[in-house]
Structure formats: C-alpha cells, structure tokens
Amino acid sequence: SHWVTEKFPGAKWLTELSVSGPRT
C-alpha cells in the first residue's frame, strides 16, 4: 500500500474486479 500511495497517489482501488471482453 505504501508503494501504491507513492507511485499512484489518490488512485482508486478496485479489488477482485470481474472483467470480460472480446478475444482476438
């Protein structure tokens, strides 16, 4: 979390995000 705060300050966290999309 310290690394995330330093590298992407203020970024929104989305954990275990379901994803689907077309496959080439």
PDB file of all heavy atoms in Angstrom:
ATOM      1  N   SER A   1       0.835  -1.206   0.000  1.00  0.00           N
ATOM      2  CA  SER A   1       0.000   0.000   0.000  1.00  0.00           C
ATOM      3  C   SER A   1       0.870   1.256   0.000  1.00  0.00           C
ATOM      4  O   SER A   1       0.508   2.275  -0.595  1.00  0.00           O
ATOM      5  CB  SER A   1      -0.946  -0.014   1.198  1.00  0.00           C
ATOM      6  OG  SER A   1      -0.227   0.020   2.424  1.00  0.00           O
ATOM      7  N   HIS A   2       2.019   1.192   0.671  1.00  0.00           N
ATOM      8  CA  HIS A   2       2.960   2.324   0.644  1.00  0.00           C
ATOM      9  C   HIS A   2       3.463   2.558  -0.769  1.00  0.00           C
ATOM     10  O   HIS A   2       3.556   3.707  -1.232  1.00  0.00           O
ATOM     11  CB  HIS A   2       4.124   2.047   1.596  1.00  0.00           C
ATOM     12  CG  HIS A   2       5.181   3.122   1.589  1.00  0.00           C
ATOM     13  ND1 HIS A   2       5.016   4.331   2.230  1.00  0.00           N
ATOM     14  CD2 HIS A   2       6.417   3.173   0.996  1.00  0.00           C
ATOM     15  CE1 HIS A   2       6.101   5.083   2.037  1.00  0.00           C
ATOM     16  NE2 HIS A   2       6.954   4.392   1.286  1.00  0.00           N
ATOM     17  N   TRP A   3       3.763   1.478  -1.482  1.00  0.00           N
ATOM     18  CA  TRP A   3       4.223   1.597  -2.880  1.00  0.00           C
ATOM     19  C   TRP A   3       3.132   2.210  -3.758  1.00  0.00           C
ATOM     20  O   TRP A   3       3.401   3.083  -4.596  1.00  0.00           O
ATOM     21  CB  TRP A   3       4.619   0.223  -3.395  1.00  0.00           C
ATOM     22  CG  TRP A   3       5.018   0.193  -4.843  1.00  0.00           C
ATOM     23  CD1 TRP A   3       6.241   0.486  -5.367  1.00  0.00           C
ATOM     24  CD2 TRP A   3       4.177  -0.143  -5.953  1.00  0.00           C
ATOM     25  NE1 TRP A   3       6.229   0.359  -6.739  1.00  0.00           N
ATOM     26  CE2 TRP A   3       4.962  -0.028  -7.126  1.00  0.00           C
ATOM     27  CE3 TRP A   3       2.851  -0.518  -6.078  1.00  0.00           C
ATOM     28  CZ2 TRP A   3       4.455  -0.288  -8.393  1.00  0.00           C
ATOM     29  CZ3 TRP A   3       2.344  -0.781  -7.338  1.00  0.00           C
ATOM     30  CH2 TRP A   3       3.137  -0.656  -8.481  1.00  0.00           C
ATOM     31  N   VAL A   4       1.906   1.756  -3.584  1.00  0.00           N
ATOM     32  CA  VAL A   4       0.794   2.288  -4.385  1.00  0.00           C
ATOM     33  C   VAL A   4       0.608   3.774  -4.109  1.00  0.00           C
ATOM     34  O   VAL A   4       0.438   4.582  -5.046  1.00  0.00           O
ATOM     35  CB  VAL A   4      -0.514   1.520  -4.078  1.00  0.00           C
ATOM     36  CG1 VAL A   4      -1.708   2.216  -4.747  1.00  0.00           C
ATOM     37  CG2 VAL A   4      -0.411   0.078  -4.559  1.00  0.00           C
ATOM     38  N   THR A   5       0.659   4.160  -2.837  1.00  0.00           N
ATOM     39  CA  THR A   5       0.467   5.569  -2.465  1.00  0.00           C
ATOM     40  C   THR A   5       1.564   6.451  -3.061  1.00  0.00           C
ATOM     41  O   THR A   5       1.291   7.570  -3.517  1.00  0.00           O
ATOM     42  CB  THR A   5       0.456   5.714  -0.939  1.00  0.00           C
ATOM     43  OG1 THR A   5      -0.589   4.895  -0.397  1.00  0.00           O
ATOM     44  CG2 THR A   5       0.210   7.160  -0.528  1.00  0.00           C
ATOM     45  N   GLU A   6       2.795   5.936  -3.078  1.00  0.00           N
ATOM     46  CA  GLU A   6       3.912   6.707  -3.620  1.00  0.00           C
ATOM     47  C   GLU A   6       3.839   6.805  -5.141  1.00  0.00           C
ATOM     48  O   GLU A   6       4.096   7.863  -5.721  1.00  0.00           O
ATOM     49  CB  GLU A   6       5.235   6.058  -3.209  1.00  0.00           C
ATOM     50  CG  GLU A   6       5.558   6.182  -1.726  1.00  0.00           C
ATOM     51  CD  GLU A   6       5.957   7.599  -1.343  1.00  0.00           C
ATOM     52  OE1 GLU A   6       6.707   8.229  -2.113  1.00  0.00           O
ATOM     53  OE2 GLU A   6       5.491   8.078  -0.284  1.00  0.00           O
ATOM     54  N   LYS A   7       3.481   5.728  -5.804  1.00  0.00           N
ATOM     55  CA  LYS A   7       3.532   5.688  -7.272  1.00  0.00           C
ATOM     56  C   LYS A   7       2.250   6.207  -7.915  1.00  0.00           C
ATOM     57  O   LYS A   7       2.294   6.829  -8.980  1.00  0.00           O
ATOM     58  CB  LYS A   7       3.802   4.254  -7.736  1.00  0.00           C
ATOM     59  CG  LYS A   7       4.239   4.163  -9.197  1.00  0.00           C
ATOM     60  CD  LYS A   7       4.791   2.802  -9.506  1.00  0.00           C
ATOM     61  CE  LYS A   7       5.366   2.759 -10.914  1.00  0.00           C
ATOM     62  NZ  LYS A   7       6.614   3.546 -11.019  1.00  0.00           N
ATOM     63  N   PHE A   8       1.106   5.961  -7.281  1.00  0.00           N
ATOM     64  CA  PHE A   8      -0.182   6.387  -7.847  1.00  0.00           C
ATOM     65  C   PHE A   8      -0.992   7.108  -6.757  1.00  0.00           C
ATOM     66  O   PHE A   8      -2.037   6.591  -6.302  1.00  0.00           O
ATOM     67  CB  PHE A   8      -0.962   5.193  -8.398  1.00  0.00           C
ATOM     68  CG  PHE A   8      -0.221   4.400  -9.436  1.00  0.00           C
ATOM     69  CD1 PHE A   8       0.419   3.209  -9.097  1.00  0.00           C
ATOM     70  CD2 PHE A   8      -0.155   4.838 -10.740  1.00  0.00           C
ATOM     71  CE1 PHE A   8       1.107   2.473 -10.043  1.00  0.00           C
ATOM     72  CE2 PHE A   8       0.530   4.108 -11.705  1.00  0.00           C
ATOM     73  CZ  PHE A   8       1.168   2.935 -11.361  1.00  0.00           C
ATOM     74  N   PRO A   9      -0.565   8.256  -6.316  1.00  0.00           N
ATOM     75  CA  PRO A   9      -1.256   8.972  -5.233  1.00  0.00           C
ATOM     76  C   PRO A   9      -2.687   9.323  -5.618  1.00  0.00           C
ATOM     77  O   PRO A   9      -2.948   9.806  -6.724  1.00  0.00           O
ATOM     78  CB  PRO A   9      -0.404  10.227  -5.036  1.00  0.00           C
ATOM     79  CG  PRO A   9       0.347  10.393  -6.324  1.00  0.00           C
ATOM     80  CD  PRO A   9       0.581   9.033  -6.854  1.00  0.00           C
ATOM     81  N   GLY A  10      -3.608   9.042  -4.709  1.00  0.00           N
ATOM     82  CA  GLY A  10      -5.014   9.374  -4.946  1.00  0.00           C
ATOM     83  C   GLY A  10      -5.750   8.422  -5.857  1.00  0.00           C
ATOM     84  O   GLY A  10      -6.929   8.648  -6.162  1.00  0.00           O
ATOM     85  N   ALA A  11      -5.097   7.342  -6.315  1.00  0.00           N
ATOM     86  CA  ALA A  11      -5.757   6.407  -7.232  1.00  0.00           C
ATOM     87  C   ALA A  11      -6.854   5.630  -6.508  1.00  0.00           C
ATOM     88  O   ALA A  11      -6.749   5.329  -5.323  1.00  0.00           O
ATOM     89  CB  ALA A  11      -4.735   5.440  -7.818  1.00  0.00           C
ATOM     90  N   LYS A  12      -7.901   5.294  -7.235  1.00  0.00           N
ATOM     91  CA  LYS A  12      -8.999   4.496  -6.702  1.00  0.00           C
ATOM     92  C   LYS A  12      -8.649   3.020  -6.811  1.00  0.00           C
ATOM     93  O   LYS A  12      -8.140   2.566  -7.834  1.00  0.00           O
ATOM     94  CB  LYS A  12     -10.282   4.793  -7.478  1.00  0.00           C
ATOM     95  CG  LYS A  12     -11.517   4.046  -6.987  1.00  0.00           C
ATOM     96  CD  LYS A  12     -12.730   4.416  -7.808  1.00  0.00           C
ATOM     97  CE  LYS A  12     -13.975   3.675  -7.338  1.00  0.00           C
ATOM     98  NZ  LYS A  12     -15.164   4.023  -8.158  1.00  0.00           N
ATOM     99  N   TRP A  13      -8.907   2.260  -5.736  1.00  0.00           N
ATOM    100  CA  TRP A  13      -8.624   0.827  -5.714  1.00  0.00           C
ATOM    101  C   TRP A  13      -9.875   0.036  -6.105  1.00  0.00           C
ATOM    102  O   TRP A  13     -10.947   0.235  -5.536  1.00  0.00           O
ATOM    103  CB  TRP A  13      -8.203   0.378  -4.327  1.00  0.00           C
ATOM    104  CG  TRP A  13      -6.899   0.920  -3.816  1.00  0.00           C
ATOM    105  CD1 TRP A  13      -6.490   2.218  -3.823  1.00  0.00           C
ATOM    106  CD2 TRP A  13      -5.855   0.175  -3.199  1.00  0.00           C
ATOM    107  NE1 TRP A  13      -5.254   2.338  -3.243  1.00  0.00           N
ATOM    108  CE2 TRP A  13      -4.832   1.088  -2.844  1.00  0.00           C
ATOM    109  CE3 TRP A  13      -5.670  -1.170  -2.888  1.00  0.00           C
ATOM    110  CZ2 TRP A  13      -3.661   0.693  -2.209  1.00  0.00           C
ATOM    111  CZ3 TRP A  13      -4.511  -1.576  -2.251  1.00  0.00           C
ATOM    112  CH2 TRP A  13      -3.512  -0.647  -1.932  1.00  0.00           C
ATOM    113  N   LEU A  14      -9.742  -0.880  -7.050  1.00  0.00           N
ATOM    114  CA  LEU A  14     -10.818  -1.809  -7.414  1.00  0.00           C
ATOM    115  C   LEU A  14     -10.259  -3.221  -7.272  1.00  0.00           C
ATOM    116  O   LEU A  14      -9.470  -3.675  -8.099  1.00  0.00           O
ATOM    117  CB  LEU A  14     -11.297  -1.562  -8.849  1.00  0.00           C
ATOM    118  CG  LEU A  14     -11.806  -0.155  -9.181  1.00  0.00           C
ATOM    119  CD1 LEU A  14     -12.124  -0.037 -10.655  1.00  0.00           C
ATOM    120  CD2 LEU A  14     -13.039   0.169  -8.347  1.00  0.00           C
ATOM    121  N   THR A  15     -10.660  -3.932  -6.207  1.00  0.00           N
ATOM    122  CA  THR A  15     -10.124  -5.268  -5.968  1.00  0.00           C
ATOM    123  C   THR A  15     -11.065  -6.345  -6.494  1.00  0.00           C
ATOM    124  O   THR A  15     -12.285  -6.164  -6.530  1.00  0.00           O
ATOM    125  CB  THR A  15      -9.896  -5.500  -4.465  1.00  0.00           C
ATOM    126  OG1 THR A  15     -11.142  -5.389  -3.777  1.00  0.00           O
ATOM    127  CG2 THR A  15      -8.907  -4.479  -3.906  1.00  0.00           C
ATOM    128  N   GLU A  16     -10.468  -7.476  -6.901  1.00  0.00           N
ATOM    129  CA  GLU A  16     -11.219  -8.626  -7.419  1.00  0.00           C
ATOM    130  C   GLU A  16     -12.230  -8.163  -8.472  1.00  0.00           C
ATOM    131  O   GLU A  16     -13.425  -8.482  -8.403  1.00  0.00           O
ATOM    132  CB  GLU A  16     -11.931  -9.368  -6.277  1.00  0.00           C
ATOM    133  CG  GLU A  16     -10.993  -9.937  -5.231  1.00  0.00           C
ATOM    134  CD  GLU A  16     -10.100 -11.044  -5.768  1.00  0.00           C
ATOM    135  OE1 GLU A  16     -10.485 -11.674  -6.770  1.00  0.00           O
ATOM    136  OE2 GLU A  16      -9.022 -11.262  -5.192  1.00  0.00           O
ATOM    137  N   LEU A  17     -11.742  -7.431  -9.441  1.00  0.00           N
ATOM    138  CA  LEU A  17     -12.609  -6.838 -10.463  1.00  0.00           C
ATOM    139  C   LEU A  17     -12.937  -7.853 -11.550  1.00  0.00           C
ATOM    140  O   LEU A  17     -12.050  -8.352 -12.245  1.00  0.00           O
ATOM    141  CB  LEU A  17     -11.917  -5.622 -11.079  1.00  0.00           C
ATOM    142  CG  LEU A  17     -12.710  -4.869 -12.156  1.00  0.00           C
ATOM    143  CD1 LEU A  17     -13.928  -4.194 -11.544  1.00  0.00           C
ATOM    144  CD2 LEU A  17     -11.831  -3.841 -12.860  1.00  0.00           C
ATOM    145  N   SER A  18     -14.213  -8.176 -11.698  1.00  0.00           N
ATOM    146  CA  SER A  18     -14.642  -9.069 -12.776  1.00  0.00           C
ATOM    147  C   SER A  18     -14.479  -8.367 -14.113  1.00  0.00           C
ATOM    148  O   SER A  18     -14.829  -7.195 -14.251  1.00  0.00           O
ATOM    149  CB  SER A  18     -16.101  -9.495 -12.580  1.00  0.00           C
ATOM    150  OG  SER A  18     -16.263 -10.226 -11.385  1.00  0.00           O
ATOM    151  N   VAL A  19     -13.966  -9.093 -15.097  1.00  0.00           N
ATOM    152  CA  VAL A  19     -13.713  -8.490 -16.394  1.00  0.00           C
ATOM    153  C   VAL A  19     -14.079  -9.472 -17.498  1.00  0.00           C
ATOM    154  O   VAL A  19     -13.897 -10.680 -17.359  1.00  0.00           O
ATOM    155  CB  VAL A  19     -12.220  -8.078 -16.525  1.00  0.00           C
ATOM    156  CG1 VAL A  19     -11.310  -9.288 -16.402  1.00  0.00           C
ATOM    157  CG2 VAL A  19     -11.966  -7.354 -17.839  1.00  0.00           C
ATOM    158  N   SER A  20     -14.646  -8.965 -18.550  1.00  0.00           N
ATOM    159  CA  SER A  20     -14.933  -9.766 -19.737  1.00  0.00           C
ATOM    160  C   SER A  20     -14.790  -8.866 -20.950  1.00  0.00           C
ATOM    161  O   SER A  20     -15.024  -7.662 -20.877  1.00  0.00           O
ATOM    162  CB  SER A  20     -16.350 -10.363 -19.675  1.00  0.00           C
ATOM    163  OG  SER A  20     -17.318  -9.326 -19.642  1.00  0.00           O
ATOM    164  N   GLY A  21     -14.379  -9.450 -22.046  1.00  0.00           N
ATOM    165  CA  GLY A  21     -14.185  -8.667 -23.254  1.00  0.00           C
ATOM    166  C   GLY A  21     -13.804  -9.559 -24.415  1.00  0.00           C
ATOM    167  O   GLY A  21     -13.490 -10.745 -24.240  1.00  0.00           O
ATOM    168  N   PRO A  22     -13.829  -9.024 -25.628  1.00  0.00           N
ATOM    169  CA  PRO A  22     -13.544  -9.829 -26.823  1.00  0.00           C
ATOM    170  C   PRO A  22     -12.106 -10.332 -26.853  1.00  0.00           C
ATOM    171  O   PRO A  22     -11.187  -9.661 -26.405  1.00  0.00           O
ATOM    172  CB  PRO A  22     -13.817  -8.849 -27.966  1.00  0.00           C
ATOM    173  CG  PRO A  22     -13.663  -7.488 -27.365  1.00  0.00           C
ATOM    174  CD  PRO A  22     -14.116  -7.613 -25.946  1.00  0.00           C
ATOM    175  N   ARG A  23     -11.941 -11.518 -27.393  1.00  0.00           N
ATOM    176  CA  ARG A  23     -10.634 -12.161 -27.544  1.00  0.00           C
ATOM    177  C   ARG A  23     -10.252 -12.156 -29.019  1.00  0.00           C
ATOM    178  O   ARG A  23     -11.035 -12.612 -29.858  1.00  0.00           O
ATOM    179  CB  ARG A  23     -10.695 -13.583 -26.991  1.00  0.00           C
ATOM    180  CG  ARG A  23      -9.413 -14.390 -27.084  1.00  0.00           C
ATOM    181  CD  ARG A  23      -9.611 -15.713 -26.336  1.00  0.00           C
ATOM    182  NE  ARG A  23      -8.473 -16.615 -26.476  1.00  0.00           N
ATOM    183  CZ  ARG A  23      -8.389 -17.587 -27.379  1.00  0.00           C
ATOM    184  NH1 ARG A  23      -9.406 -17.779 -28.237  1.00  0.00           N
ATOM    185  NH2 ARG A  23      -7.331 -18.366 -27.430  1.00  0.00           N
ATOM    186  N   THR A  24      -9.087 -11.666 -29.330  1.00  0.00           N
ATOM    187  CA  THR A  24      -8.657 -11.536 -30.726  1.00  0.00           C
ATOM    188  C   THR A  24      -8.702 -12.869 -31.457  1.00  0.00           C
ATOM    189  O   THR A  24      -9.101 -12.937 -32.633  1.00  0.00           O
ATOM    190  CB  THR A  24      -7.233 -10.954 -30.786  1.00  0.00           C
ATOM    191  OG1 THR A  24      -7.216  -9.688 -30.129  1.00  0.00           O
ATOM    192  CG2 THR A  24      -6.779 -10.782 -32.225  1.00  0.00           C
TER     193      THR A  24
END
